[in-house]
Amino acid sequence: MGLRLAVAAVFLALVATPSVAHEKFKIVGSVVKIHAEQIDVKAVDGATYEIDFLDGVPVTRNHKKVARTELRVGANVIVNALGHDMFDLEAVEVQLVD
């Protein structure tokens, strides 16, 4: 009985484990709002995306790292992000575009 219960518990744990795969996304647009840990970008498709923007995420211009303070509302950006879908995004890199 104990072995069956253990096997059943392992099976349920494996089945209930969510998929950890993330898809890659690239959002091109302009910054509409900057929060403490989030950036809102209005993309060229007209949609505004709320993207998690944690402290360690690099901000670059011409492939060179720049200060995070250079990121301002109205700036044109390319945001490389990972997520399950367009409503669950986490920035990997924010590129400032002139």
N, C-alpha and C. Protein backbone atom coordinates (compact mmCIF):
# COMPACT_ATOMS: atom_id res chain seq x y z
N MET A 1 0.82 -1.19 0.00
CA MET A 1 0.00 0.00 0.00
C MET A 1 0.87 1.27 0.00
N GLY A 2 1.96 1.26 0.79
CA GLY A 2 2.84 2.42 0.86
C GLY A 2 3.53 2.70 -0.46
N LEU A 3 3.94 1.66 -1.17
CA LEU A 3 4.60 1.82 -2.46
C LEU A 3 3.65 2.40 -3.49
N ARG A 4 2.41 1.94 -3.50
CA ARG A 4 1.42 2.46 -4.45
C ARG A 4 1.17 3.95 -4.19
N LEU A 5 1.08 4.31 -2.93
CA LEU A 5 0.85 5.69 -2.56
C LEU A 5 2.03 6.56 -3.00
N ALA A 6 3.24 6.08 -2.81
CA ALA A 6 4.43 6.82 -3.22
C ALA A 6 4.48 6.99 -4.73
N VAL A 7 4.18 5.93 -5.47
CA VAL A 7 4.17 6.00 -6.94
C VAL A 7 3.10 6.99 -7.41
N ALA A 8 1.93 6.94 -6.80
CA ALA A 8 0.85 7.86 -7.16
C ALA A 8 1.25 9.31 -6.87
N ALA A 9 1.91 9.53 -5.76
CA ALA A 9 2.33 10.89 -5.40
C ALA A 9 3.36 11.42 -6.40
N VAL A 10 4.32 10.59 -6.80
CA VAL A 10 5.33 11.00 -7.78
C VAL A 10 4.65 11.29 -9.12
N PHE A 11 3.73 10.44 -9.54
CA PHE A 11 3.03 10.64 -10.80
C PHE A 11 2.26 11.97 -10.78
N LEU A 12 1.54 12.23 -9.71
CA LEU A 12 0.78 13.47 -9.62
C LEU A 12 1.69 14.70 -9.60
N ALA A 13 2.83 14.58 -8.95
CA ALA A 13 3.78 15.70 -8.92
C ALA A 13 4.30 16.00 -10.32
N LEU A 14 4.58 14.97 -11.10
CA LEU A 14 5.08 15.17 -12.46
C LEU A 14 4.00 15.75 -13.37
N VAL A 15 2.79 15.28 -13.23
CA VAL A 15 1.69 15.76 -14.07
C VAL A 15 1.32 17.19 -13.71
N ALA A 16 1.38 17.53 -12.44
CA ALA A 16 0.96 18.85 -11.99
C ALA A 16 2.03 19.92 -12.18
N THR A 17 3.26 19.54 -12.51
CA THR A 17 4.34 20.49 -12.68
C THR A 17 4.10 21.31 -13.95
N PRO A 18 4.04 22.64 -13.82
CA PRO A 18 3.80 23.48 -15.00
C PRO A 18 5.01 23.48 -15.92
N SER A 19 4.76 23.72 -17.16
CA SER A 19 5.84 23.81 -18.15
C SER A 19 6.67 25.05 -17.86
N VAL A 20 7.97 24.92 -17.91
CA VAL A 20 8.84 26.05 -17.61
C VAL A 20 9.42 26.68 -18.88
N ALA A 21 9.00 26.20 -20.02
CA ALA A 21 9.50 26.75 -21.28
C ALA A 21 8.95 28.15 -21.49
N HIS A 22 9.81 29.03 -21.95
CA HIS A 22 9.43 30.39 -22.26
C HIS A 22 9.68 30.63 -23.75
N GLU A 23 8.83 31.44 -24.32
CA GLU A 23 9.03 31.85 -25.70
C GLU A 23 9.76 33.18 -25.72
N LYS A 24 10.44 33.47 -26.83
CA LYS A 24 11.12 34.75 -26.99
C LYS A 24 10.19 35.72 -27.69
N PHE A 25 10.22 36.98 -27.23
CA PHE A 25 9.41 38.04 -27.82
C PHE A 25 10.29 39.24 -28.07
N LYS A 26 9.96 40.00 -29.11
CA LYS A 26 10.64 41.26 -29.39
C LYS A 26 9.55 42.31 -29.59
N ILE A 27 9.54 43.31 -28.70
CA ILE A 27 8.55 44.37 -28.77
C ILE A 27 9.25 45.64 -29.23
N VAL A 28 8.77 46.21 -30.32
CA VAL A 28 9.34 47.43 -30.88
C VAL A 28 8.31 48.53 -30.70
N GLY A 29 8.71 49.63 -30.07
CA GLY A 29 7.77 50.72 -29.85
C GLY A 29 8.38 51.83 -29.02
N SER A 30 7.52 52.55 -28.30
CA SER A 30 8.01 53.64 -27.46
C SER A 30 7.51 53.48 -26.03
N VAL A 31 8.31 53.97 -25.10
CA VAL A 31 8.01 53.85 -23.67
C VAL A 31 6.88 54.81 -23.33
N VAL A 32 5.84 54.30 -22.67
CA VAL A 32 4.74 55.16 -22.23
C VAL A 32 4.75 55.35 -20.72
N LYS A 33 5.35 54.42 -19.98
CA LYS A 33 5.44 54.58 -18.53
C LYS A 33 6.53 53.67 -17.98
N ILE A 34 7.23 54.17 -16.96
CA ILE A 34 8.26 53.38 -16.29
C ILE A 34 7.88 53.28 -14.82
N HIS A 35 7.75 52.04 -14.36
CA HIS A 35 7.44 51.77 -12.96
C HIS A 35 8.73 51.26 -12.29
N ALA A 36 8.65 50.96 -11.01
CA ALA A 36 9.82 50.45 -10.28
C ALA A 36 10.34 49.15 -10.90
N GLU A 37 9.44 48.22 -11.21
CA GLU A 37 9.87 46.93 -11.76
C GLU A 37 9.07 46.57 -13.00
N GLN A 38 8.62 47.58 -13.75
CA GLN A 38 7.84 47.32 -14.95
C GLN A 38 8.02 48.48 -15.93
N ILE A 39 7.97 48.16 -17.20
CA ILE A 39 8.02 49.17 -18.25
C ILE A 39 6.83 48.93 -19.17
N ASP A 40 6.12 49.99 -19.52
CA ASP A 40 4.99 49.89 -20.43
C ASP A 40 5.44 50.43 -21.78
N VAL A 41 5.26 49.62 -22.82
CA VAL A 41 5.71 49.98 -24.17
C VAL A 41 4.54 49.92 -25.13
N LYS A 42 4.30 51.03 -25.85
CA LYS A 42 3.29 51.02 -26.90
C LYS A 42 3.99 50.58 -28.17
N ALA A 43 3.61 49.40 -28.64
CA ALA A 43 4.27 48.78 -29.79
C ALA A 43 3.75 49.36 -31.10
N VAL A 44 4.47 49.07 -32.16
CA VAL A 44 4.08 49.55 -33.48
C VAL A 44 2.75 48.96 -33.93
N ASP A 45 2.30 47.86 -33.32
CA ASP A 45 1.00 47.28 -33.66
C ASP A 45 -0.14 47.99 -32.94
N GLY A 46 0.18 49.01 -32.12
CA GLY A 46 -0.84 49.79 -31.42
C GLY A 46 -1.15 49.30 -30.02
N ALA A 47 -0.74 48.11 -29.67
CA ALA A 47 -1.00 47.56 -28.34
C ALA A 47 0.04 48.06 -27.34
N THR A 48 -0.37 48.21 -26.08
CA THR A 48 0.56 48.58 -25.03
C THR A 48 0.84 47.34 -24.19
N TYR A 49 2.12 47.03 -24.04
CA TYR A 49 2.54 45.84 -23.31
C TYR A 49 3.18 46.24 -21.99
N GLU A 50 2.78 45.56 -20.92
CA GLU A 50 3.36 45.75 -19.59
C GLU A 50 4.40 44.66 -19.40
N ILE A 51 5.66 45.05 -19.28
CA ILE A 51 6.76 44.10 -19.27
C ILE A 51 7.51 44.23 -17.94
N ASP A 52 7.70 43.10 -17.25
CA ASP A 52 8.50 43.11 -16.02
C ASP A 52 9.90 43.58 -16.38
N PHE A 53 10.43 44.52 -15.59
CA PHE A 53 11.72 45.14 -15.87
C PHE A 53 12.52 45.18 -14.57
N LEU A 54 13.17 44.06 -14.26
CA LEU A 54 13.87 43.91 -12.99
C LEU A 54 15.21 44.63 -13.01
N ASP A 55 15.83 44.78 -11.84
CA ASP A 55 17.06 45.57 -11.68
C ASP A 55 18.22 45.12 -12.56
N GLY A 56 18.42 43.84 -12.75
CA GLY A 56 19.60 43.37 -13.49
C GLY A 56 19.50 43.43 -15.00
N VAL A 57 18.38 43.89 -15.53
CA VAL A 57 18.17 43.91 -16.98
C VAL A 57 19.00 45.04 -17.59
N PRO A 58 19.87 44.70 -18.58
CA PRO A 58 20.70 45.74 -19.18
C PRO A 58 19.91 46.64 -20.13
N VAL A 59 20.30 47.91 -20.13
CA VAL A 59 19.79 48.88 -21.08
C VAL A 59 20.97 49.22 -21.98
N THR A 60 20.77 49.12 -23.29
CA THR A 60 21.87 49.35 -24.23
C THR A 60 21.49 50.37 -25.30
N ARG A 61 22.52 50.97 -25.88
CA ARG A 61 22.38 51.85 -27.05
C ARG A 61 23.57 51.52 -27.95
N ASN A 62 23.30 51.18 -29.18
CA ASN A 62 24.36 50.79 -30.13
C ASN A 62 25.23 49.67 -29.57
N HIS A 63 24.60 48.70 -28.94
CA HIS A 63 25.24 47.50 -28.39
C HIS A 63 26.20 47.80 -27.24
N LYS A 64 26.07 48.98 -26.63
CA LYS A 64 26.89 49.35 -25.47
C LYS A 64 25.96 49.63 -24.30
N LYS A 65 26.32 49.11 -23.14
CA LYS A 65 25.50 49.30 -21.94
C LYS A 65 25.49 50.77 -21.54
N VAL A 66 24.29 51.27 -21.22
CA VAL A 66 24.14 52.65 -20.75
C VAL A 66 23.40 52.62 -19.41
N ALA A 67 23.39 53.76 -18.74
CA ALA A 67 22.71 53.86 -17.45
C ALA A 67 21.20 53.69 -17.64
N ARG A 68 20.60 53.04 -16.68
CA ARG A 68 19.15 52.82 -16.71
C ARG A 68 18.38 54.13 -16.73
N THR A 69 18.98 55.19 -16.21
CA THR A 69 18.33 56.50 -16.15
C THR A 69 18.16 57.14 -17.53
N GLU A 70 18.85 56.62 -18.55
CA GLU A 70 18.69 57.14 -19.91
C GLU A 70 17.37 56.69 -20.54
N LEU A 71 16.74 55.74 -19.93
CA LEU A 71 15.45 55.25 -20.40
C LEU A 71 14.37 56.20 -19.90
N ARG A 72 13.68 56.85 -20.83
CA ARG A 72 12.67 57.85 -20.48
C ARG A 72 11.37 57.62 -21.26
N VAL A 73 10.30 58.20 -20.75
CA VAL A 73 9.03 58.14 -21.45
C VAL A 73 9.20 58.81 -22.82
N GLY A 74 8.70 58.17 -23.85
CA GLY A 74 8.82 58.67 -25.21
C GLY A 74 9.98 58.09 -25.98
N ALA A 75 10.91 57.43 -25.28
CA ALA A 75 12.08 56.85 -25.95
C ALA A 75 11.64 55.66 -26.82
N ASN A 76 12.24 55.57 -28.00
CA ASN A 76 12.00 54.43 -28.88
C ASN A 76 12.88 53.28 -28.42
N VAL A 77 12.27 52.09 -28.29
CA VAL A 77 12.99 50.95 -27.74
C VAL A 77 12.67 49.67 -28.50
N ILE A 78 13.57 48.72 -28.34
CA ILE A 78 13.34 47.34 -28.71
C ILE A 78 13.54 46.55 -27.43
N VAL A 79 12.51 45.83 -27.01
CA VAL A 79 12.59 45.06 -25.78
C VAL A 79 12.63 43.58 -26.14
N ASN A 80 13.72 42.93 -25.80
CA ASN A 80 13.81 41.47 -25.93
C ASN A 80 13.31 40.90 -24.62
N ALA A 81 12.33 40.00 -24.72
CA ALA A 81 11.69 39.48 -23.51
C ALA A 81 11.41 37.99 -23.64
N LEU A 82 11.19 37.38 -22.49
CA LEU A 82 10.77 35.98 -22.41
C LEU A 82 9.42 35.94 -21.72
N GLY A 83 8.60 34.95 -22.08
CA GLY A 83 7.32 34.80 -21.42
C GLY A 83 6.52 33.65 -21.99
N HIS A 84 5.40 33.39 -21.34
CA HIS A 84 4.50 32.33 -21.80
C HIS A 84 3.62 32.85 -22.93
N ASP A 85 3.27 34.16 -22.87
CA ASP A 85 2.47 34.80 -23.89
C ASP A 85 2.68 36.31 -23.79
N MET A 86 1.95 37.08 -24.57
CA MET A 86 2.15 38.53 -24.60
C MET A 86 1.68 39.24 -23.32
N PHE A 87 1.01 38.50 -22.44
CA PHE A 87 0.51 39.08 -21.21
C PHE A 87 1.37 38.71 -20.01
N ASP A 88 2.45 37.97 -20.24
CA ASP A 88 3.34 37.50 -19.18
C ASP A 88 4.77 37.62 -19.69
N LEU A 89 5.28 38.85 -19.73
CA LEU A 89 6.60 39.10 -20.30
C LEU A 89 7.58 39.60 -19.26
N GLU A 90 8.83 39.17 -19.40
CA GLU A 90 9.92 39.64 -18.55
C GLU A 90 11.06 40.08 -19.45
N ALA A 91 11.48 41.32 -19.33
CA ALA A 91 12.54 41.87 -20.17
C ALA A 91 13.86 41.17 -19.91
N VAL A 92 14.58 40.92 -20.99
CA VAL A 92 15.93 40.37 -20.93
C VAL A 92 16.93 41.47 -21.27
N GLU A 93 16.53 42.35 -22.21
CA GLU A 93 17.35 43.49 -22.61
C GLU A 93 16.44 44.56 -23.17
N VAL A 94 16.78 45.83 -22.88
CA VAL A 94 16.07 46.96 -23.47
C VAL A 94 17.09 47.74 -24.28
N GLN A 95 16.82 47.88 -25.58
CA GLN A 95 17.71 48.60 -26.48
C GLN A 95 17.09 49.96 -26.81
N LEU A 96 17.83 51.02 -26.55
CA LEU A 96 17.39 52.36 -26.94
C LEU A 96 17.72 52.55 -28.41
N VAL A 97 16.75 53.06 -29.16
CA VAL A 97 16.93 53.26 -30.61
C VAL A 97 16.78 54.75 -30.89
N ASP A 98 17.72 55.29 -31.62
CA ASP A 98 17.67 56.73 -31.95
C ASP A 98 16.85 57.00 -33.17
